Amino acid sequence: MKKIGFLKKSNVIMEPPQYINELTNSIEDELDINKELTIMDRDITKYIIKNFPSMSIEIKNSLNNLSSTLEKTIDFIEDKSTDVVKIDRAFELSQAHRNISISVYGIVKEINTYIKWMEEESLITEELKDDENKNNIKSEEITSEYGESKEIYENFSKKEPIAFKLEEYFVKVNGWNDLIIKTADLLVKNFKKSKDNLKVVYQDMKIFEEISTENELRDTVIDILNEYNIYLKNFVVFIK
């Protein structure tokens, strides 16, 4: 009597259906995990943050929502990846799904990095506005306290300086020699980058010419300012 042989379960190789193989090949052909993600040019975003802050908040909220949706997408893909292995033994398709999931995670990280940058940029913009407001108030206080002021290229004949202002810096002085010394000291400590800048500042004003001891000392200050590429209209001298 002929014996009937039985195949052991371990010898049976279950092939996934043909449509799964075709789907796997299609995914692998289209997948490119090396593509760079361009969310939005940062210069454009900076402009929006500075000039239209309310809309920059809308953009940030939208990106947060997108990031959250993509996180859910990753979970969904991972579940499907597990299912195709359990049901169809489609390991290659499962791996293709996982590759997509990894790519989506990379996008999530880039979006979150971009959101963090937007938050930092918004904070910087707010701080600059606060500083500008404080400087405007301070300038008004200085003007009311110290009275008359002149920009450094003007006529200083028979005038004695008591203070000067350059950008956010306000310095009291005792006469012209003190002004020269303290100007040089301020520039050395705080304006090295301006001096190293290869682009020379164009001075579009006419320097008042009148022979006097005060104007000669003023010219010394102007020479120092030019050496550091300082725009002369930004240097204000308070006089008595």
C-alpha atoms as a PDB file:
ATOM      1  CA  MET A   1       0.000   0.000   0.000  1.00  0.00           C
ATOM      2  CA  LYS A   2       1.401   3.372  -1.080  1.00  0.00           C
ATOM      3  CA  LYS A   3       2.090   5.719   1.803  1.00  0.00           C
ATOM      4  CA  ILE A   4       0.794   9.247   1.602  1.00  0.00           C
ATOM      5  CA  GLY A   5       3.429  11.853   2.453  1.00  0.00           C
ATOM      6  CA  PHE A   6       2.666  15.110   4.227  1.00  0.00           C
ATOM      7  CA  LEU A   7       4.593  18.348   3.806  1.00  0.00           C
ATOM      8  CA  LYS A   8       5.895  19.863   6.988  1.00  0.00           C
ATOM      9  CA  LYS A   9       4.608  23.365   7.688  1.00  0.00           C
ATOM     10  CA  SER A  10       8.157  24.697   7.861  1.00  0.00           C
ATOM     11  CA  ASN A  11       8.766  23.668   4.242  1.00  0.00           C
ATOM     12  CA  VAL A  12       5.816  25.602   2.883  1.00  0.00           C
ATOM     13  CA  ILE A  13       6.771  29.000   1.406  1.00  0.00           C
ATOM     14  CA  MET A  14       3.862  31.390   1.203  1.00  0.00           C
ATOM     15  CA  GLU A  15       4.261  33.812  -1.688  1.00  0.00           C
ATOM     16  CA  PRO A  16       2.442  37.149  -1.445  1.00  0.00           C
ATOM     17  CA  PRO A  17      -0.158  37.809  -4.147  1.00  0.00           C
ATOM     18  CA  GLN A  18       1.105  39.286  -7.445  1.00  0.00           C
ATOM     19  CA  TYR A  19      -0.635  42.627  -6.897  1.00  0.00           C
ATOM     20  CA  ILE A  20       1.370  43.120  -3.691  1.00  0.00           C
ATOM     21  CA  ASN A  21       4.644  42.547  -5.550  1.00  0.00           C
ATOM     22  CA  GLU A  22       3.597  45.095  -8.163  1.00  0.00           C
ATOM     23  CA  LEU A  23       2.636  47.609  -5.449  1.00  0.00           C
ATOM     24  CA  THR A  24       5.975  47.079  -3.692  1.00  0.00           C
ATOM     25  CA  ASN A  25       7.920  47.701  -6.903  1.00  0.00           C
ATOM     26  CA  SER A  26       5.872  50.825  -7.602  1.00  0.00           C
ATOM     27  CA  ILE A  27       6.600  52.258  -4.131  1.00  0.00           C
ATOM     28  CA  GLU A  28      10.313  51.498  -4.383  1.00  0.00           C
ATOM     29  CA  ASP A  29      10.494  53.193  -7.802  1.00  0.00           C
ATOM     30  CA  GLU A  30       8.819  56.363  -6.545  1.00  0.00           C
ATOM     31  CA  LEU A  31      10.458  56.572  -3.113  1.00  0.00           C
ATOM     32  CA  ASP A  32      13.321  59.027  -2.774  1.00  0.00           C
ATOM     33  CA  ILE A  33      14.140  59.668   0.889  1.00  0.00           C
ATOM     34  CA  ASN A  34      16.994  61.987  -0.051  1.00  0.00           C
ATOM     35  CA  LYS A  35      14.811  64.782  -1.400  1.00  0.00           C
ATOM     36  CA  GLU A  36      15.267  68.042   0.488  1.00  0.00           C
ATOM     37  CA  LEU A  37      12.220  69.601   2.076  1.00  0.00           C
ATOM     38  CA  THR A  38      11.606  73.260   1.288  1.00  0.00           C
ATOM     39  CA  ILE A  39       8.955  74.646   3.601  1.00  0.00           C
ATOM     40  CA  MET A  40       9.269  78.371   2.896  1.00  0.00           C
ATOM     41  CA  ASP A  41      12.165  80.698   2.179  1.00  0.00           C
ATOM     42  CA  ARG A  42      13.321  82.033   5.550  1.00  0.00           C
ATOM     43  CA  ASP A  43      13.820  85.585   4.254  1.00  0.00           C
ATOM     44  CA  ILE A  44      10.157  85.666   3.222  1.00  0.00           C
ATOM     45  CA  THR A  45       9.104  84.319   6.615  1.00  0.00           C
ATOM     46  CA  LYS A  46      11.275  86.911   8.401  1.00  0.00           C
ATOM     47  CA  TYR A  47       9.547  89.664   6.430  1.00  0.00           C
ATOM     48  CA  ILE A  48       6.113  88.306   7.394  1.00  0.00           C
ATOM     49  CA  ILE A  49       7.130  87.984  11.065  1.00  0.00           C
ATOM     50  CA  LYS A  50       8.384  91.581  11.101  1.00  0.00           C
ATOM     51  CA  ASN A  51       5.590  93.241   9.132  1.00  0.00           C
ATOM     52  CA  PHE A  52       2.589  90.923   9.556  1.00  0.00           C
ATOM     53  CA  PRO A  53       3.073  89.184  12.933  1.00  0.00           C
ATOM     54  CA  SER A  54      -0.543  87.993  13.197  1.00  0.00           C
ATOM     55  CA  MET A  55      -0.220  86.070   9.926  1.00  0.00           C
ATOM     56  CA  SER A  56       3.099  84.576  11.011  1.00  0.00           C
ATOM     57  CA  ILE A  57       1.233  83.110  14.000  1.00  0.00           C
ATOM     58  CA  GLU A  58      -1.331  81.628  11.585  1.00  0.00           C
ATOM     59  CA  ILE A  59       1.475  80.063   9.540  1.00  0.00           C
ATOM     60  CA  LYS A  60       3.097  78.629  12.662  1.00  0.00           C
ATOM     61  CA  ASN A  61      -0.219  77.167  13.843  1.00  0.00           C
ATOM     62  CA  SER A  62      -0.795  75.602  10.424  1.00  0.00           C
ATOM     63  CA  LEU A  63       2.650  74.019  10.516  1.00  0.00           C
ATOM     64  CA  ASN A  64       1.920  72.648  13.995  1.00  0.00           C
ATOM     65  CA  ASN A  65      -1.297  71.106  12.672  1.00  0.00           C
ATOM     66  CA  LEU A  66       0.552  69.635   9.694  1.00  0.00           C
ATOM     67  CA  SER A  67       3.193  68.163  11.992  1.00  0.00           C
ATOM     68  CA  SER A  68       0.482  66.591  14.158  1.00  0.00           C
ATOM     69  CA  THR A  69      -1.280  65.116  11.112  1.00  0.00           C
ATOM     70  CA  LEU A  70       1.971  63.650   9.809  1.00  0.00           C
ATOM     71  CA  GLU A  71       2.617  62.054  13.218  1.00  0.00           C
ATOM     72  CA  LYS A  72      -0.785  60.342  12.930  1.00  0.00           C
ATOM     73  CA  THR A  73       0.108  59.318   9.373  1.00  0.00           C
ATOM     74  CA  ILE A  74       3.257  57.604  10.648  1.00  0.00           C
ATOM     75  CA  ASP A  75       1.201  55.603  13.171  1.00  0.00           C
ATOM     76  CA  PHE A  76      -1.300  54.641  10.457  1.00  0.00           C
ATOM     77  CA  ILE A  77       1.430  53.498   8.043  1.00  0.00           C
ATOM     78  CA  GLU A  78       3.137  51.480  10.782  1.00  0.00           C
ATOM     79  CA  ASP A  79      -0.137  49.658  11.505  1.00  0.00           C
ATOM     80  CA  LYS A  80      -0.598  48.858   7.801  1.00  0.00           C
ATOM     81  CA  SER A  81       3.011  47.716   7.579  1.00  0.00           C
ATOM     82  CA  THR A  82       2.383  45.227  10.378  1.00  0.00           C
ATOM     83  CA  ASP A  83      -0.880  44.040   8.783  1.00  0.00           C
ATOM     84  CA  VAL A  84       0.656  43.157   5.397  1.00  0.00           C
ATOM     85  CA  VAL A  85       3.186  40.951   7.164  1.00  0.00           C
ATOM     86  CA  LYS A  86       0.590  39.223   9.331  1.00  0.00           C
ATOM     87  CA  ILE A  87      -1.958  38.690   6.556  1.00  0.00           C
ATOM     88  CA  ASP A  88       0.021  38.399   3.305  1.00  0.00           C
ATOM     89  CA  ARG A  89       3.602  37.787   4.489  1.00  0.00           C
ATOM     90  CA  ALA A  90       4.543  40.722   2.234  1.00  0.00           C
ATOM     91  CA  PHE A  91       7.813  41.612   3.916  1.00  0.00           C
ATOM     92  CA  GLU A  92       9.104  43.732   1.019  1.00  0.00           C
ATOM     93  CA  LEU A  93       5.897  45.762   0.921  1.00  0.00           C
ATOM     94  CA  SER A  94       6.080  46.152   4.693  1.00  0.00           C
ATOM     95  CA  GLN A  95       9.626  47.487   4.376  1.00  0.00           C
ATOM     96  CA  ALA A  96       8.531  49.872   1.612  1.00  0.00           C
ATOM     97  CA  HIS A  97       5.813  51.182   3.937  1.00  0.00           C
ATOM     98  CA  ARG A  98       8.370  51.611   6.710  1.00  0.00           C
ATOM     99  CA  ASN A  99      10.688  53.524   4.367  1.00  0.00           C
ATOM    100  CA  ILE A 100       7.842  55.921   3.637  1.00  0.00           C
ATOM    101  CA  SER A 101       7.186  56.201   7.367  1.00  0.00           C
ATOM    102  CA  ILE A 102      10.844  57.087   7.976  1.00  0.00           C
ATOM    103  CA  SER A 103      10.669  59.755   5.260  1.00  0.00           C
ATOM    104  CA  VAL A 104       7.547  61.265   6.801  1.00  0.00           C
ATOM    105  CA  TYR A 105       9.280  61.345  10.184  1.00  0.00           C
ATOM    106  CA  GLY A 106      12.150  63.276   8.569  1.00  0.00           C
ATOM    107  CA  ILE A 107       9.628  65.817   7.290  1.00  0.00           C
ATOM    108  CA  VAL A 108       8.096  66.118  10.768  1.00  0.00           C
ATOM    109  CA  LYS A 109      11.520  66.869  12.258  1.00  0.00           C
ATOM    110  CA  GLU A 110      12.213  69.557   9.652  1.00  0.00           C
ATOM    111  CA  ILE A 111       8.818  71.171  10.229  1.00  0.00           C
ATOM    112  CA  ASN A 112       9.359  71.188  14.001  1.00  0.00           C
ATOM    113  CA  THR A 113      12.825  72.713  13.521  1.00  0.00           C
ATOM    114  CA  TYR A 114      11.290  75.385  11.280  1.00  0.00           C
ATOM    115  CA  ILE A 115       8.572  76.124  13.863  1.00  0.00           C
ATOM    116  CA  LYS A 116      11.213  76.514  16.580  1.00  0.00           C
ATOM    117  CA  TRP A 117      13.167  78.901  14.336  1.00  0.00           C
ATOM    118  CA  MET A 118       9.994  80.952  13.736  1.00  0.00           C
ATOM    119  CA  GLU A 119       9.397  81.217  17.487  1.00  0.00           C
ATOM    120  CA  GLU A 120      12.979  82.373  18.075  1.00  0.00           C
ATOM    121  CA  GLU A 121      12.758  84.867  15.196  1.00  0.00           C
ATOM    122  CA  SER A 122       9.482  86.269  16.568  1.00  0.00           C
ATOM    123  CA  LEU A 123      11.092  86.712  19.978  1.00  0.00           C
ATOM    124  CA  ILE A 124      14.086  88.525  18.454  1.00  0.00           C
ATOM    125  CA  THR A 125      11.761  90.821  16.486  1.00  0.00           C
ATOM    126  CA  GLU A 126       9.774  91.654  19.634  1.00  0.00           C
ATOM    127  CA  GLU A 127      12.965  92.397  21.577  1.00  0.00           C
ATOM    128  CA  LEU A 128      14.226  94.680  18.793  1.00  0.00           C
ATOM    129  CA  LYS A 129      10.934  96.573  18.787  1.00  0.00           C
ATOM    130  CA  ASP A 130      11.091  96.923  22.576  1.00  0.00           C
ATOM    131  CA  ASP A 131      14.675  98.201  22.354  1.00  0.00           C
ATOM    132  CA  GLU A 132      13.686 100.638  19.614  1.00  0.00           C
ATOM    133  CA  ASN A 133      10.827 101.980  21.723  1.00  0.00           C
ATOM    134  CA  LYS A 134      13.122 102.309  24.741  1.00  0.00           C
ATOM    135  CA  ASN A 135      15.732 104.125  22.629  1.00  0.00           C
ATOM    136  CA  ASN A 136      13.104 106.525  21.295  1.00  0.00           C
ATOM    137  CA  ILE A 137      11.964 107.316  24.836  1.00  0.00           C
ATOM    138  CA  LYS A 138      15.562 107.663  25.996  1.00  0.00           C
ATOM    139  CA  SER A 139      16.358 110.017  23.093  1.00  0.00           C
ATOM    140  CA  GLU A 140      13.446 112.237  24.057  1.00  0.00           C
ATOM    141  CA  GLU A 141      14.605 112.277  27.693  1.00  0.00           C
ATOM    142  CA  ILE A 142      18.192 113.091  26.678  1.00  0.00           C
ATOM    143  CA  THR A 143      17.086 115.883  24.354  1.00  0.00           C
ATOM    144  CA  SER A 144      14.905 117.475  27.012  1.00  0.00           C
ATOM    145  CA  GLU A 145      17.676 117.238  29.634  1.00  0.00           C
ATOM    146  CA  TYR A 146      20.682 118.284  27.556  1.00  0.00           C
ATOM    147  CA  GLY A 147      19.029 120.726  25.199  1.00  0.00           C
ATOM    148  CA  GLU A 148      20.728 121.671  21.934  1.00  0.00           C
ATOM    149  CA  SER A 149      22.354 119.007  19.800  1.00  0.00           C
ATOM    150  CA  LYS A 150      24.189 118.905  16.480  1.00  0.00           C
ATOM    151  CA  GLU A 151      25.253 116.153  14.134  1.00  0.00           C
ATOM    152  CA  ILE A 152      29.026 115.857  13.983  1.00  0.00           C
ATOM    153  CA  TYR A 153      29.424 117.287  10.456  1.00  0.00           C
ATOM    154  CA  GLU A 154      27.823 120.631  11.445  1.00  0.00           C
ATOM    155  CA  ASN A 155      29.495 123.851  12.603  1.00  0.00           C
ATOM    156  CA  PHE A 156      30.829 123.728  16.186  1.00  0.00           C
ATOM    157  CA  SER A 157      32.594 127.090  16.369  1.00  0.00           C
ATOM    158  CA  LYS A 158      32.458 128.413  19.946  1.00  0.00           C
ATOM    159  CA  LYS A 159      30.548 125.299  21.042  1.00  0.00           C
ATOM    160  CA  GLU A 160      31.570 122.976  23.880  1.00  0.00           C
ATOM    161  CA  PRO A 161      30.375 119.323  23.948  1.00  0.00           C
ATOM    162  CA  ILE A 162      28.803 117.892  27.097  1.00  0.00           C
ATOM    163  CA  ALA A 163      27.703 114.502  25.714  1.00  0.00           C
ATOM    164  CA  PHE A 164      27.369 112.464  22.535  1.00  0.00           C
ATOM    165  CA  LYS A 165      25.079 109.722  21.247  1.00  0.00           C
ATOM    166  CA  LEU A 166      25.856 106.981  18.712  1.00  0.00           C
ATOM    167  CA  GLU A 167      23.080 104.480  18.053  1.00  0.00           C
ATOM    168  CA  GLU A 168      22.054 103.138  21.499  1.00  0.00           C
ATOM    169  CA  TYR A 169      25.143 104.507  23.255  1.00  0.00           C
ATOM    170  CA  PHE A 170      24.969 107.760  25.211  1.00  0.00           C
ATOM    171  CA  VAL A 171      28.178 109.120  26.761  1.00  0.00           C
ATOM    172  CA  LYS A 172      28.743 112.233  28.881  1.00  0.00           C
ATOM    173  CA  VAL A 173      31.939 114.183  28.159  1.00  0.00           C
ATOM    174  CA  ASN A 174      33.867 117.124  29.542  1.00  0.00           C
ATOM    175  CA  GLY A 175      35.021 119.103  26.519  1.00  0.00           C
ATOM    176  CA  TRP A 176      36.485 118.205  23.124  1.00  0.00           C
ATOM    177  CA  ASN A 177      39.531 116.230  24.235  1.00  0.00           C
ATOM    178  CA  ASP A 178      37.359 114.043  26.437  1.00  0.00           C
ATOM    179  CA  LEU A 179      34.940 113.594  23.528  1.00  0.00           C
ATOM    180  CA  ILE A 180      37.754 112.383  21.243  1.00  0.00           C
ATOM    181  CA  ILE A 181      39.103 109.923  23.829  1.00  0.00           C
ATOM    182  CA  LYS A 182      35.693 108.490  24.729  1.00  0.00           C
ATOM    183  CA  THR A 183      34.622 108.233  21.081  1.00  0.00           C
ATOM    184  CA  ALA A 184      37.730 106.207  20.242  1.00  0.00           C
ATOM    185  CA  ASP A 185      37.192 104.019  23.305  1.00  0.00           C
ATOM    186  CA  LEU A 186      33.553 103.348  22.401  1.00  0.00           C
ATOM    187  CA  LEU A 187      34.421 102.416  18.818  1.00  0.00           C
ATOM    188  CA  VAL A 188      37.245 100.070  19.821  1.00  0.00           C
ATOM    189  CA  LYS A 189      34.998  98.219  22.269  1.00  0.00           C
ATOM    190  CA  ASN A 190      31.761  98.061  20.293  1.00  0.00           C
ATOM    191  CA  PHE A 191      32.271  98.752  16.577  1.00  0.00           C
ATOM    192  CA  LYS A 192      35.080  96.414  15.489  1.00  0.00           C
ATOM    193  CA  LYS A 193      32.783  94.714  12.954  1.00  0.00           C
ATOM    194  CA  SER A 194      32.033  98.068  11.343  1.00  0.00           C
ATOM    195  CA  LYS A 195      35.746  98.739  10.945  1.00  0.00           C
ATOM    196  CA  ASP A 196      36.358  95.319   9.384  1.00  0.00           C
ATOM    197  CA  ASN A 197      33.481  95.757   6.947  1.00  0.00           C
ATOM    198  CA  LEU A 198      34.913  96.086   3.430  1.00  0.00           C
ATOM    199  CA  LYS A 199      31.902  98.106   2.271  1.00  0.00           C
ATOM    200  CA  VAL A 200      32.672 101.783   2.901  1.00  0.00           C
ATOM    201  CA  VAL A 201      29.779 103.894   4.206  1.00  0.00           C
ATOM    202  CA  TYR A 202      28.843 106.662   1.778  1.00  0.00           C
ATOM    203  CA  GLN A 203      28.699 110.023   3.567  1.00  0.00           C
ATOM    204  CA  ASP A 204      26.030 111.948   1.684  1.00  0.00           C
ATOM    205  CA  MET A 205      26.231 115.118   3.766  1.00  0.00           C
ATOM    206  CA  LYS A 206      28.415 118.217   3.337  1.00  0.00           C
ATOM    207  CA  ILE A 207      30.788 118.860   6.235  1.00  0.00           C
ATOM    208  CA  PHE A 208      30.512 122.465   7.369  1.00  0.00           C
ATOM    209  CA  GLU A 209      33.782 124.282   6.730  1.00  0.00           C
ATOM    210  CA  GLU A 210      34.753 127.151   8.977  1.00  0.00           C
ATOM    211  CA  ILE A 211      38.181 127.607  10.478  1.00  0.00           C
ATOM    212  CA  SER A 212      38.045 127.312  14.249  1.00  0.00           C
ATOM    213  CA  THR A 213      39.688 125.306  17.011  1.00  0.00           C
ATOM    214  CA  GLU A 214      36.401 123.548  17.726  1.00  0.00           C
ATOM    215  CA  ASN A 215      35.925 122.485  14.091  1.00  0.00           C
ATOM    216  CA  GLU A 216      39.491 121.168  13.930  1.00  0.00           C
ATOM    217  CA  LEU A 217      38.759 118.982  16.947  1.00  0.00           C
ATOM    218  CA  ARG A 218      35.462 117.996  15.348  1.00  0.00           C
ATOM    219  CA  ASP A 219      37.384 116.921  12.223  1.00  0.00           C
ATOM    220  CA  THR A 220      39.522 114.638  14.381  1.00  0.00           C
ATOM    221  CA  VAL A 221      36.346 112.937  15.594  1.00  0.00           C
ATOM    222  CA  ILE A 222      35.107 112.655  11.991  1.00  0.00           C
ATOM    223  CA  ASP A 223      38.376 110.976  10.949  1.00  0.00           C
ATOM    224  CA  ILE A 224      37.938 108.399  13.718  1.00  0.00           C
ATOM    225  CA  LEU A 225      34.317 107.773  12.717  1.00  0.00           C
ATOM    226  CA  ASN A 226      35.278 107.341   9.057  1.00  0.00           C
ATOM    227  CA  GLU A 227      37.927 104.815  10.063  1.00  0.00           C
ATOM    228  CA  TYR A 228      35.166 102.728  11.630  1.00  0.00           C
ATOM    229  CA  ASN A 229      32.689 103.218   8.764  1.00  0.00           C
ATOM    230  CA  ILE A 230      30.253 105.143  10.958  1.00  0.00           C
ATOM    231  CA  TYR A 231      27.546 107.153   9.212  1.00  0.00           C
ATOM    232  CA  LEU A 232      28.117 110.733  10.404  1.00  0.00           C
ATOM    233  CA  LYS A 233      24.421 111.542  10.768  1.00  0.00           C
ATOM    234  CA  ASN A 234      24.238 108.868  13.476  1.00  0.00           C
ATOM    235  CA  PHE A 235      26.753 110.693  15.675  1.00  0.00           C
ATOM    236  CA  VAL A 236      24.992 113.425  17.658  1.00  0.00           C
ATOM    237  CA  VAL A 237      26.827 115.869  19.929  1.00  0.00           C
ATOM    238  CA  PHE A 238      25.068 117.693  22.766  1.00  0.00           C
ATOM    239  CA  ILE A 239      26.491 121.147  23.407  1.00  0.00           C
ATOM    240  CA  LYS A 240      26.332 124.038  25.819  1.00  0.00           C
END
